[in-house]
Structures are given as structure tokens and as C-alpha cells.
Protein backbone atom coordinates (compact mmCIF):
# COMPACT_ATOMS: atom_id res chain seq x y z
CA MET A 1 -222.47 57.40 -214.89
CA PHE A 2 -220.88 55.61 -211.99
CA LYS A 3 -222.34 53.17 -209.52
CA LYS A 4 -220.79 53.03 -206.08
CA ILE A 5 -220.88 49.79 -204.14
CA GLN A 6 -219.68 48.83 -200.69
CA ALA A 7 -216.34 47.08 -200.63
CA VAL A 8 -216.94 43.41 -199.91
CA PRO A 9 -214.97 41.88 -197.01
CA ILE A 10 -212.43 40.21 -199.28
CA GLY A 11 -211.66 43.61 -200.82
CA GLN A 12 -210.99 45.30 -197.51
CA LEU A 13 -207.28 44.66 -197.30
CA ILE A 14 -205.43 45.86 -194.25
CA PHE A 15 -201.75 46.44 -194.77
CA SER A 16 -198.99 46.66 -192.19
CA LEU A 17 -197.13 49.86 -191.46
CA VAL A 18 -194.13 48.68 -193.48
CA VAL A 19 -196.17 47.76 -196.56
CA LEU A 20 -198.06 51.04 -196.45
CA PHE A 21 -194.82 52.97 -196.22
CA ALA A 22 -193.45 51.13 -199.28
CA LEU A 23 -196.65 51.87 -201.21
CA VAL A 24 -196.77 55.59 -200.64
CA THR A 25 -193.08 56.28 -201.06
CA CYS A 26 -193.04 54.61 -204.49
CA GLU A 27 -195.75 56.91 -205.78
CA GLU A 28 -195.33 60.42 -207.16
CA SER A 29 -195.13 63.25 -204.68
CA GLY A 30 -198.47 64.62 -203.56
CA THR A 31 -200.23 61.30 -203.06
CA VAL A 32 -199.36 60.92 -199.41
CA GLY A 33 -196.42 62.35 -197.53
CA ALA A 34 -193.32 60.24 -197.30
CA GLY A 35 -193.50 59.94 -193.52
CA PHE A 36 -194.82 57.12 -191.39
CA VAL A 37 -198.54 56.54 -190.90
CA ASN A 38 -199.31 55.54 -187.33
CA GLU A 39 -200.74 52.01 -187.20
CA SER A 40 -203.02 52.62 -190.16
CA GLY A 41 -204.19 50.39 -192.97
CA ILE A 42 -205.67 50.70 -196.41
CA VAL A 43 -209.31 50.14 -197.31
CA ILE A 44 -210.06 49.48 -200.97
CA GLU A 45 -213.35 50.80 -202.24
CA THR A 46 -214.65 49.44 -205.55
CA ILE A 47 -216.59 51.70 -207.90
CA LEU A 48 -218.18 49.93 -210.85
CA ILE A 49 -218.33 51.83 -214.13
CA ASP A 50 -221.53 51.48 -216.10
CA GLU A 51 -220.63 53.67 -219.08
CA LEU A 52 -217.49 54.30 -221.14
CA PRO A 53 -218.34 56.53 -224.12
CA VAL A 54 -216.52 55.61 -227.35
CA SER A 55 -215.02 58.10 -229.79
CA SER A 56 -212.94 57.82 -232.93
CA THR A 57 -210.39 59.91 -234.77
CA ASP A 58 -208.32 59.76 -237.93
CA PRO A 59 -204.76 58.60 -237.17
CA PHE A 60 -201.56 59.64 -238.90
CA THR A 61 -200.02 56.68 -240.76
CA GLY A 62 -196.75 58.08 -242.10
CA LYS A 63 -193.11 57.90 -241.05
CA LEU A 64 -193.70 55.31 -238.31
CA THR A 65 -190.99 52.76 -237.56
CA TYR A 66 -192.98 49.93 -239.15
CA SER A 67 -195.48 49.94 -241.99
CA PRO A 68 -198.04 47.09 -242.15
CA ILE A 69 -198.52 45.45 -245.54
CA GLY A 70 -200.87 42.57 -246.26
CA SER A 71 -204.33 41.14 -245.88
CA PHE A 72 -205.92 39.03 -243.15
CA ASN A 73 -209.50 38.36 -242.17
CA ASP A 74 -209.40 38.27 -238.39
CA PRO A 75 -212.54 36.41 -237.27
CA LEU A 76 -212.78 38.60 -234.18
CA PHE A 77 -211.63 42.07 -235.27
CA GLY A 78 -212.48 42.09 -238.96
CA ASN A 79 -210.90 42.08 -242.40
CA ILE A 80 -207.59 43.97 -242.46
CA GLU A 81 -206.25 45.33 -245.76
CA ALA A 82 -203.00 47.30 -245.72
CA PHE A 83 -200.53 48.51 -248.33
CA GLY A 84 -197.28 50.39 -247.95
CA LEU A 85 -196.29 53.62 -249.68
CA PHE A 86 -192.68 54.63 -250.23
CA LYS A 87 -190.54 56.98 -252.26
CA PRO A 88 -186.80 56.44 -252.75
CA SER A 89 -184.53 59.46 -252.42
CA ILE A 90 -182.13 60.86 -254.98
CA ILE A 91 -178.86 61.92 -253.41
CA LYS A 92 -178.34 65.60 -254.20
CA ALA A 93 -174.67 65.15 -255.08
CA ASN A 94 -175.43 62.35 -257.54
CA ILE A 95 -176.01 63.97 -260.91
CA GLY A 96 -174.63 62.09 -263.87
CA ASP A 97 -175.19 59.84 -266.80
CA LEU A 98 -176.75 56.72 -265.33
CA PRO A 99 -177.39 54.38 -268.29
CA THR A 100 -181.00 53.47 -268.95
CA ASP A 101 -180.11 49.78 -268.71
CA SER A 102 -178.90 50.18 -265.13
CA GLU A 103 -180.48 47.90 -262.56
CA ALA A 104 -182.79 49.24 -259.87
CA ILE A 105 -182.96 46.76 -257.02
CA LEU A 106 -185.28 47.31 -254.09
CA ARG A 107 -183.84 45.95 -250.84
CA LEU A 108 -186.70 45.78 -248.35
CA ASN A 109 -186.25 45.09 -244.66
CA PHE A 110 -189.01 43.30 -242.70
CA ASP A 111 -189.56 42.40 -239.07
CA ILE A 112 -189.84 38.63 -239.49
CA ASP A 113 -190.54 38.12 -235.78
CA ASN A 114 -193.95 39.78 -235.95
CA VAL A 115 -196.66 38.49 -238.29
CA TYR A 116 -200.39 39.16 -238.02
CA GLY A 117 -202.30 36.30 -239.63
CA ASN A 118 -201.60 32.89 -241.12
CA ARG A 119 -197.94 31.95 -240.63
CA SER A 120 -198.23 28.83 -242.86
CA VAL A 121 -199.06 30.75 -246.06
CA ASN A 122 -196.50 32.74 -248.06
CA GLY A 123 -198.30 34.88 -250.63
CA THR A 124 -197.21 37.38 -253.27
CA PHE A 125 -196.77 41.14 -253.00
CA LYS A 126 -196.62 43.45 -256.01
CA VAL A 127 -195.21 46.95 -256.40
CA PHE A 128 -197.26 49.50 -258.35
CA ARG A 129 -196.94 53.16 -259.22
CA VAL A 130 -198.99 55.65 -257.21
CA GLY A 131 -201.27 58.21 -258.85
CA ASP A 132 -201.65 60.80 -256.08
CA LEU A 133 -199.35 63.18 -254.27
CA TRP A 134 -198.89 62.29 -250.58
CA ARG A 135 -196.59 63.21 -247.71
CA GLY A 136 -195.67 60.89 -244.87
CA SER A 137 -195.72 63.72 -242.34
CA ALA A 138 -199.35 64.55 -243.11
CA ILE A 139 -201.06 61.43 -244.45
CA LYS A 140 -203.98 60.03 -242.46
CA MET A 141 -205.88 56.77 -242.48
CA SER A 142 -208.87 58.29 -244.27
CA ASP A 143 -206.83 59.70 -247.16
CA GLU A 144 -207.55 57.90 -250.42
CA ILE A 145 -204.42 57.20 -252.43
CA GLU A 146 -204.78 55.89 -255.98
CA VAL A 147 -202.67 52.86 -256.79
CA LEU A 148 -202.25 52.42 -260.55
CA ASP A 149 -202.94 48.81 -261.42
CA ALA A 150 -201.82 46.85 -264.46
CA SER A 151 -204.54 48.28 -266.72
CA GLY A 152 -202.76 51.58 -267.29
CA GLY A 153 -202.69 51.46 -271.10
CA PRO A 154 -199.19 51.98 -272.50
CA ILE A 155 -197.75 52.67 -269.05
CA GLN A 156 -196.45 49.58 -267.28
CA ASN A 157 -197.67 50.20 -263.76
CA VAL A 158 -196.51 46.89 -262.30
CA VAL A 159 -192.99 47.70 -261.18
CA GLY A 160 -191.91 44.54 -259.34
CA GLN A 161 -192.98 41.70 -257.09
CA PHE A 162 -191.77 39.31 -254.41
CA SER A 163 -193.04 36.41 -252.33
CA TYR A 164 -192.99 36.19 -248.56
CA ALA A 165 -190.92 33.02 -249.05
CA ASP A 166 -188.18 35.17 -250.66
CA ILE A 167 -187.48 37.05 -247.41
CA ASP A 168 -184.25 35.74 -245.90
CA THR A 169 -183.57 34.87 -242.27
CA THR A 170 -182.29 38.39 -241.55
CA GLY A 171 -185.53 39.97 -242.78
CA PHE A 172 -184.31 41.24 -246.19
CA VAL A 173 -185.65 40.63 -249.68
CA GLU A 174 -184.18 41.98 -252.92
CA PHE A 175 -185.91 42.20 -256.30
CA ASN A 176 -185.72 44.29 -259.46
CA LEU A 177 -187.87 47.31 -260.20
CA GLU A 178 -188.61 47.64 -263.90
CA GLY A 179 -190.69 49.40 -266.52
CA ASN A 180 -191.58 53.04 -266.96
CA TRP A 181 -191.02 53.89 -263.33
CA LYS A 182 -187.35 52.89 -263.56
CA SER A 183 -186.77 54.90 -266.73
CA ASP A 184 -188.56 57.91 -265.20
CA PHE A 185 -186.48 57.62 -262.03
CA ILE A 186 -183.23 57.45 -264.00
CA GLU A 187 -184.33 60.54 -265.94
CA PHE A 188 -184.81 62.42 -262.66
CA TYR A 189 -181.48 61.07 -261.42
CA ASN A 190 -179.61 62.37 -264.48
CA ASN A 191 -181.35 65.76 -264.50
CA ASP A 192 -178.81 68.53 -263.79
CA ASP A 193 -181.37 71.33 -263.33
CA LEU A 194 -181.15 73.24 -260.05
CA ASN A 195 -184.79 72.44 -259.34
CA ARG A 196 -184.38 68.67 -259.86
CA ASP A 197 -185.18 67.82 -256.24
CA SER A 198 -188.34 69.92 -256.29
CA LEU A 199 -189.47 68.41 -259.57
CA TYR A 200 -188.92 64.90 -258.24
CA ARG A 201 -190.81 65.58 -255.01
CA PHE A 202 -193.88 66.97 -256.73
CA GLU A 203 -193.99 65.12 -260.06
CA ASP A 204 -193.17 61.57 -258.98
CA TYR A 205 -195.71 60.07 -256.56
CA GLY A 206 -193.70 57.05 -255.47
CA LEU A 207 -194.63 53.40 -255.23
CA ALA A 208 -197.01 51.13 -253.35
CA ILE A 209 -196.58 47.56 -252.11
CA VAL A 210 -199.90 45.74 -252.40
CA PRO A 211 -200.84 42.17 -251.32
CA GLU A 212 -202.17 39.76 -253.92
CA ASN A 213 -205.19 37.53 -253.28
CA ASP A 214 -203.02 34.66 -252.02
CA VAL A 215 -201.77 36.71 -249.05
CA ASP A 216 -203.26 35.74 -245.69
CA LYS A 217 -201.16 37.78 -243.29
CA VAL A 218 -199.98 41.28 -242.47
CA ILE A 219 -196.21 41.81 -242.34
CA TYR A 220 -194.20 44.83 -241.25
CA THR A 221 -191.54 46.59 -243.28
CA ARG A 222 -188.91 49.03 -242.01
CA PHE A 223 -188.58 51.57 -244.77
CA SER A 224 -185.97 53.49 -242.78
CA THR A 225 -183.56 50.57 -243.19
CA SER A 226 -184.64 49.66 -246.73
CA ARG A 227 -182.68 50.83 -249.77
CA LEU A 228 -182.92 51.35 -253.51
CA LEU A 229 -179.72 50.03 -255.11
CA LEU A 230 -178.80 51.52 -258.49
CA ILE A 231 -176.25 49.38 -260.33
CA ASN A 232 -174.44 50.85 -263.33
CA ASN A 233 -173.78 47.81 -265.50
CA THR A 234 -171.15 49.72 -267.49
CA THR A 235 -168.94 50.74 -264.56
CA ALA A 236 -170.21 48.18 -262.00
CA ASP A 237 -170.74 51.05 -259.56
CA THR A 238 -173.58 50.74 -257.04
CA THR A 239 -175.39 53.67 -255.45
CA SER A 240 -177.45 53.08 -252.32
CA ASN A 241 -180.43 55.38 -251.89
CA ILE A 242 -182.37 55.71 -248.64
CA MET A 243 -186.13 56.25 -248.55
CA LEU A 244 -187.22 59.85 -248.86
CA ASP A 245 -190.70 59.20 -247.52
CA TRP A 246 -192.99 56.37 -246.48
CA ALA A 247 -196.44 55.66 -245.05
CA TYR A 248 -199.18 53.05 -245.13
CA ASP A 249 -202.88 52.90 -245.85
CA ILE A 250 -205.16 50.53 -243.98
CA ASP A 251 -208.80 49.54 -244.00
CA VAL A 252 -210.50 47.42 -241.32
CA THR A 253 -214.07 46.20 -241.83
CA GLY A 254 -216.41 43.77 -240.11
CA GLY A 255 -215.52 41.62 -237.13
CA GLU A 256 -217.64 39.73 -234.60
CA VAL A 257 -216.75 40.78 -231.08
CA PRO A 258 -219.10 39.47 -228.33
CA ASP A 259 -221.98 41.81 -227.56
CA GLY A 260 -221.28 44.00 -224.59
CA ASN A 261 -217.49 43.87 -224.91
CA ILE A 262 -215.36 46.99 -225.07
CA THR A 263 -213.04 46.71 -228.07
CA LEU A 264 -210.15 49.09 -228.75
CA SER A 265 -207.97 49.42 -231.84
CA ASN A 266 -204.75 51.35 -232.28
CA THR A 267 -206.23 52.85 -235.40
CA PHE A 268 -208.16 54.87 -232.77
CA ASN A 269 -211.44 53.44 -234.03
CA PRO A 270 -212.53 53.51 -231.34
CA PHE A 271 -210.96 54.94 -228.21
CA LEU A 272 -212.65 55.80 -224.91
CA THR A 273 -213.48 59.20 -223.45
CA ILE A 274 -213.97 59.09 -219.68
CA ASN A 275 -215.25 61.65 -217.17
CA PHE A 276 -213.61 60.97 -213.80
CA THR A 277 -215.06 64.04 -212.07
CA PRO A 278 -218.02 62.24 -210.41
CA ILE A 279 -215.65 59.75 -208.76
CA ALA A 280 -213.14 62.37 -207.65
CA ASP A 281 -215.91 64.43 -206.09
CA GLN A 282 -216.68 61.53 -203.74
CA LEU A 283 -213.19 61.36 -202.30
CA THR A 284 -212.06 62.58 -198.93
CA ASN A 285 -208.80 64.39 -199.59
CA ASN A 286 -207.25 63.52 -196.26
CA ASN A 287 -207.79 59.79 -196.67
CA PHE A 288 -207.21 59.26 -200.39
CA VAL A 289 -204.01 57.36 -201.25
CA ARG A 290 -204.30 55.88 -204.72
CA ALA A 291 -206.73 55.25 -207.61
CA GLU A 292 -206.61 52.58 -210.28
CA LEU A 293 -208.75 52.00 -213.35
CA VAL A 294 -209.06 48.26 -214.02
CA LEU A 295 -210.10 46.54 -217.27
CA SER A 296 -210.30 42.79 -217.82
CA PRO A 297 -209.39 41.39 -221.28
CA ASP A 298 -211.76 38.76 -222.66
CA SER A 299 -208.95 36.18 -222.70
CA THR A 300 -211.22 33.25 -223.52
CA THR A 301 -212.54 34.87 -226.69
CA LEU A 302 -209.08 36.09 -227.72
CA GLU A 303 -207.48 32.66 -227.36
CA SER A 304 -210.27 30.69 -229.03
CA SER A 305 -210.77 32.92 -232.08
CA LEU A 306 -207.62 31.89 -234.00
CA THR A 307 -206.39 28.55 -235.35
CA GLY A 308 -203.02 27.03 -234.51
CA THR A 309 -201.26 28.57 -237.52
CA GLN A 310 -202.67 32.06 -236.95
CA SER A 311 -201.37 34.76 -234.64
CA ARG A 312 -201.87 38.41 -233.85
CA THR A 313 -199.25 41.05 -233.34
CA GLU A 314 -198.45 41.52 -229.66
CA ASN A 315 -200.94 43.62 -227.72
CA PRO A 316 -200.45 47.36 -228.22
CA PRO A 317 -199.69 49.51 -225.18
CA PHE A 318 -202.87 50.90 -223.65
CA ARG A 319 -202.57 54.47 -222.42
CA VAL A 320 -204.45 57.14 -220.51
CA GLN A 321 -204.11 60.79 -221.46
CA LEU A 322 -205.53 64.02 -220.08
CA GLY A 323 -207.75 66.01 -222.45
CA PRO A 324 -209.17 68.04 -223.97
CA SER A 325 -207.08 68.11 -227.13
CA ASP A 326 -207.15 70.40 -230.14
CA ASP A 327 -205.63 67.63 -232.29
CA ILE A 328 -206.62 64.27 -230.83
CA ALA A 329 -205.08 62.20 -233.64
CA TYR A 330 -201.68 63.82 -233.16
CA ASP A 331 -201.75 63.69 -229.36
CA LEU A 332 -202.84 60.05 -229.21
CA GLY A 333 -200.17 59.14 -231.74
CA PHE A 334 -197.20 61.17 -230.56
CA ASN A 335 -197.75 62.66 -227.10
CA ALA A 336 -194.99 61.25 -224.89
CA THR A 337 -196.53 62.40 -221.59
CA ASN A 338 -199.32 59.83 -221.47
CA LEU A 339 -199.69 57.10 -218.83
CA ARG A 340 -199.27 53.45 -219.78
CA GLY A 341 -201.33 50.65 -218.24
CA VAL A 342 -199.61 47.65 -216.72
CA ILE A 343 -200.74 44.03 -216.75
CA GLU A 344 -201.09 42.42 -213.33
CA GLU A 345 -202.59 38.96 -212.91
CA GLY A 346 -204.17 39.21 -216.36
CA LEU A 347 -205.80 42.60 -215.72
CA TYR A 348 -204.96 45.98 -217.20
CA LYS A 349 -204.40 48.51 -214.42
CA PHE A 350 -203.99 52.24 -214.92
CA ASP A 351 -202.62 54.35 -212.09
CA ILE A 352 -204.84 57.44 -212.26
CA THR A 353 -203.73 58.80 -208.89
CA GLY A 354 -201.93 61.72 -210.52
CA LEU A 355 -205.05 62.74 -212.43
CA PHE A 356 -207.15 62.69 -209.27
CA ASN A 357 -204.54 64.65 -207.31
CA ALA A 358 -204.34 67.24 -210.06
CA TYR A 359 -208.09 67.71 -209.71
CA LEU A 360 -208.30 67.56 -205.92
CA PHE A 361 -205.31 69.75 -205.15
CA GLY A 362 -205.07 71.81 -208.33
CA GLU A 363 -207.28 73.10 -211.09
CA SER A 364 -207.07 70.31 -213.67
CA ASP A 365 -210.23 69.33 -215.49
CA ILE A 366 -210.60 65.53 -215.56
CA SER A 367 -213.94 65.40 -217.35
CA GLU A 368 -212.29 64.37 -220.63
CA ILE A 369 -209.73 61.59 -220.21
CA TYR A 370 -208.72 59.43 -223.18
CA LEU A 371 -208.06 55.70 -222.89
CA TYR A 372 -206.72 54.19 -226.09
CA ALA A 373 -204.45 51.64 -227.74
CA GLY A 374 -201.12 53.25 -228.65
CA GLN A 375 -199.89 53.18 -232.25
CA ASN A 376 -196.98 50.96 -231.18
CA GLN A 377 -194.55 52.09 -233.89
CA GLY A 378 -196.94 50.94 -236.62
CA TYR A 379 -197.77 47.41 -235.43
CA ILE A 380 -201.51 46.85 -235.81
CA GLY A 381 -203.18 45.87 -232.54
CA PHE A 382 -206.58 45.25 -230.98
CA ASN A 383 -207.95 44.03 -227.68
CA THR A 384 -211.42 43.33 -226.38
CA PHE A 385 -212.35 43.78 -222.73
CA LEU A 386 -215.25 42.51 -220.68
CA GLY A 387 -218.05 45.03 -220.48
CA PHE A 388 -220.63 46.26 -218.02
CA ASN A 389 -222.61 43.00 -217.94
CA ALA A 390 -219.66 40.92 -216.76
CA ASP A 391 -219.36 39.58 -213.23
CA LEU A 392 -217.84 41.73 -210.49
CA ASN A 393 -214.36 40.40 -211.22
CA GLY A 394 -214.49 41.36 -214.89
CA VAL A 395 -216.57 44.52 -215.04
CA PRO A 396 -214.69 47.82 -215.61
CA LYS A 397 -214.02 49.46 -212.27
CA VAL A 398 -212.07 52.04 -210.35
CA LEU A 399 -210.33 50.99 -207.14
CA ILE A 400 -209.96 53.72 -204.54
CA TYR A 401 -207.30 53.13 -201.87
CA ASN A 402 -208.11 55.10 -198.72
CA LEU A 403 -206.44 55.35 -195.36
CA GLU A 404 -208.59 53.63 -192.80
CA GLU A 405 -210.04 56.19 -190.43
CA SER A 406 -208.82 55.78 -186.86
CA LYS A 407 -211.41 54.65 -184.36
CA GLU A 408 -211.63 56.78 -181.20
């Protein structure tokens, strides 16, 4: 799986005593002791990786900070279609006679600083009723949720609509929700039965925000800061209802990434599964100081694949996590103990020293390590890295920092 090469002269960096001391004392305990190393240096050994197996899993898409909504055909990563699901709450204490002619105004909050797609096009978004029961705490990307379109016979399934141009400079847009959904919601609101909340949860399936054909971007809504405003036109009273639940559904198809590249998506389709055991078995425990996994983004392809009016959401955080996992989708989405890569001189570097130490000095199994793009609070993100056929500067590699052996 791994090919070991001799470190070329330019890679054999000798550090002074002071620099070495700074290096080892900044690392976690167990790498090297915090004392001085007598007149030693560091030798960097480069190990080229010739295989990174890809895997995929089904991510959770509910109750994240942001929910993507929209449509954009990314020439590199494929056609993205996303719609948002939400369900307004009914405040338990609010049971009364809300007139049927009351206004229901949806006040949506968007992150206007992050747009994936064509910034020069506005586009229209419509709100429809949903035909399936779903829960934000359990919904996954593969779940199929029926959105009831306008052809629902006597039921008016189109509930409302807005344009991207209607969103104000603070990220809010307000528009009326109408039709049968509003009358059904008011009926639930006025119900004084003890089981009203249960009936509402299981008999009303909520709403979906769907992009129309003129949409050429993906935008991000914050349902946690969005509200349903109920305005009693008789008394002029306004009730503000938070969102009971929310999620999103997304589909990504196609794309034309250069052959040989390694492409990762924070929909976890795919992520990488790496066996570091063969490398760790080559190490000399007494000399080993640090290990880094290095990946090189294909910056040229990334920068040339969009026009001047198009943009992608900022790169997702790339993380390394120790496996195996009984629930990979949950752990990749919500495990807070994973290691985040850092960008240095345009390269992604992952400090895997702790993993190697856990294997060398403990009993940890490092034959199943996950490298993936983090869900990033719901922002959709991709990156493509140079693969195994790249030059020595770009090929995936592990750098092993060893203490130089003293010469007698």
C-alpha cells in the first residue's frame, strides 16, 4: 500500500537545538520528552502513498445550523439540488380562537454572506406542503420525502413564495403563507384537546422550500432564527412561533473532476479510509518525533472551473478520525474528538503523531482511519486533491520526522 523513498537532500532539514526544543514542547505529551536534546537535528523521511481507499455513508441532514436550499450545476463537482424542510411550532400555552382570516407570515433568516453558485441571478423559491412524516433528529440524505406540488386536486399545495431579491441586507425575508395549510394550522392552534401537540406532530408533515427553474445558486437558511408570525387582524395581536423542527434534502449528480484526483464531499460521498499500520511498523520508537499526512489541493482546476460571477461556499474543514465506528454517519457528523487539518503554504497537513504514538506505545488499532470533509454546520463543500500520478510535490504523502542518529 505504501511506497517508501529515500529523503532527497532538500528534504533533510537539520534544525538547531532551540528550534527542536520549540517543536517538541508544543506537541502533545508522549511525542518526545520536554527536555533538551543534545546537539541533535531532525531528518524528514517522505513516504509516498499509492492507495487511499474511498468509502461512503449516509449523512444526517437535520437540525444543523444552516440548511442549504437551491440549485446549481457546478461544472467540477456536479449538479446540486437542495430543498429545506421545516415545521413551525405551536406554543403550548396558546390555545384560543384565532380567526381564520389571521395572517401567517413566514420570516426566514438567511446567511447572505455565503452563496454557492451564480451571485448575479436572483431566482424564485416556493413553499409547498410535505406528504411524508419526518424528524430532523433522524432524517438522512437518502430518505425520500414527498413534496406535494401544485397538482394536488382541491388542495392548494403551494403555500407561498419569495425571490432572492426580496431578502434584505440583514438576511431576512417575510412573505405570507396561504391556502389550506394556513387553515389547517389555525385549526391545530385553536384545538383545546389535551393531545393537541401530539396530533400536530404526527398529522401535520410541515413545509418544504423548493427552488424554481430560474434559481442558479444554493443559499443557506437559519431555521433556528426564523419565525412564523401569526397576526390576529381583529385584535392586532402578533404571536411569534419558533421552528419545531427542520432539515434539508440534497442530491448531487455528475461532475467532471480530473482523472486521478481525490475528491471529497461533506455529504460523505466519498470519504477516505486509511490503514496507517504499515507505516507505523517501520518506525524506530526512540527516534520518532512527529508524523504528518499531506494532501495537495488541485488549485488550478478549482480556480479555473468557475466564471467571475460564480463562487463556492468556503472549503469545509477536513478531519481525521480514529475508527472503527459502529455508526460512521453519526461519528463523522458529530464526533467532537476528531483532528482537523491545517493549511500551510497551500497544502493540507494533518498531524497524525498522536495516532502513531497510540499505536507504538499503546494498543490502539490504526488500520481504519477516516479522512473526510466535515459537515461544517450545513454548508455544502467539496475539494479535489492531486492524486497518485502527480509529481513528488503534489502526491499524497506522509512525512516522518525522526531524530538524527548520533554518529560515533
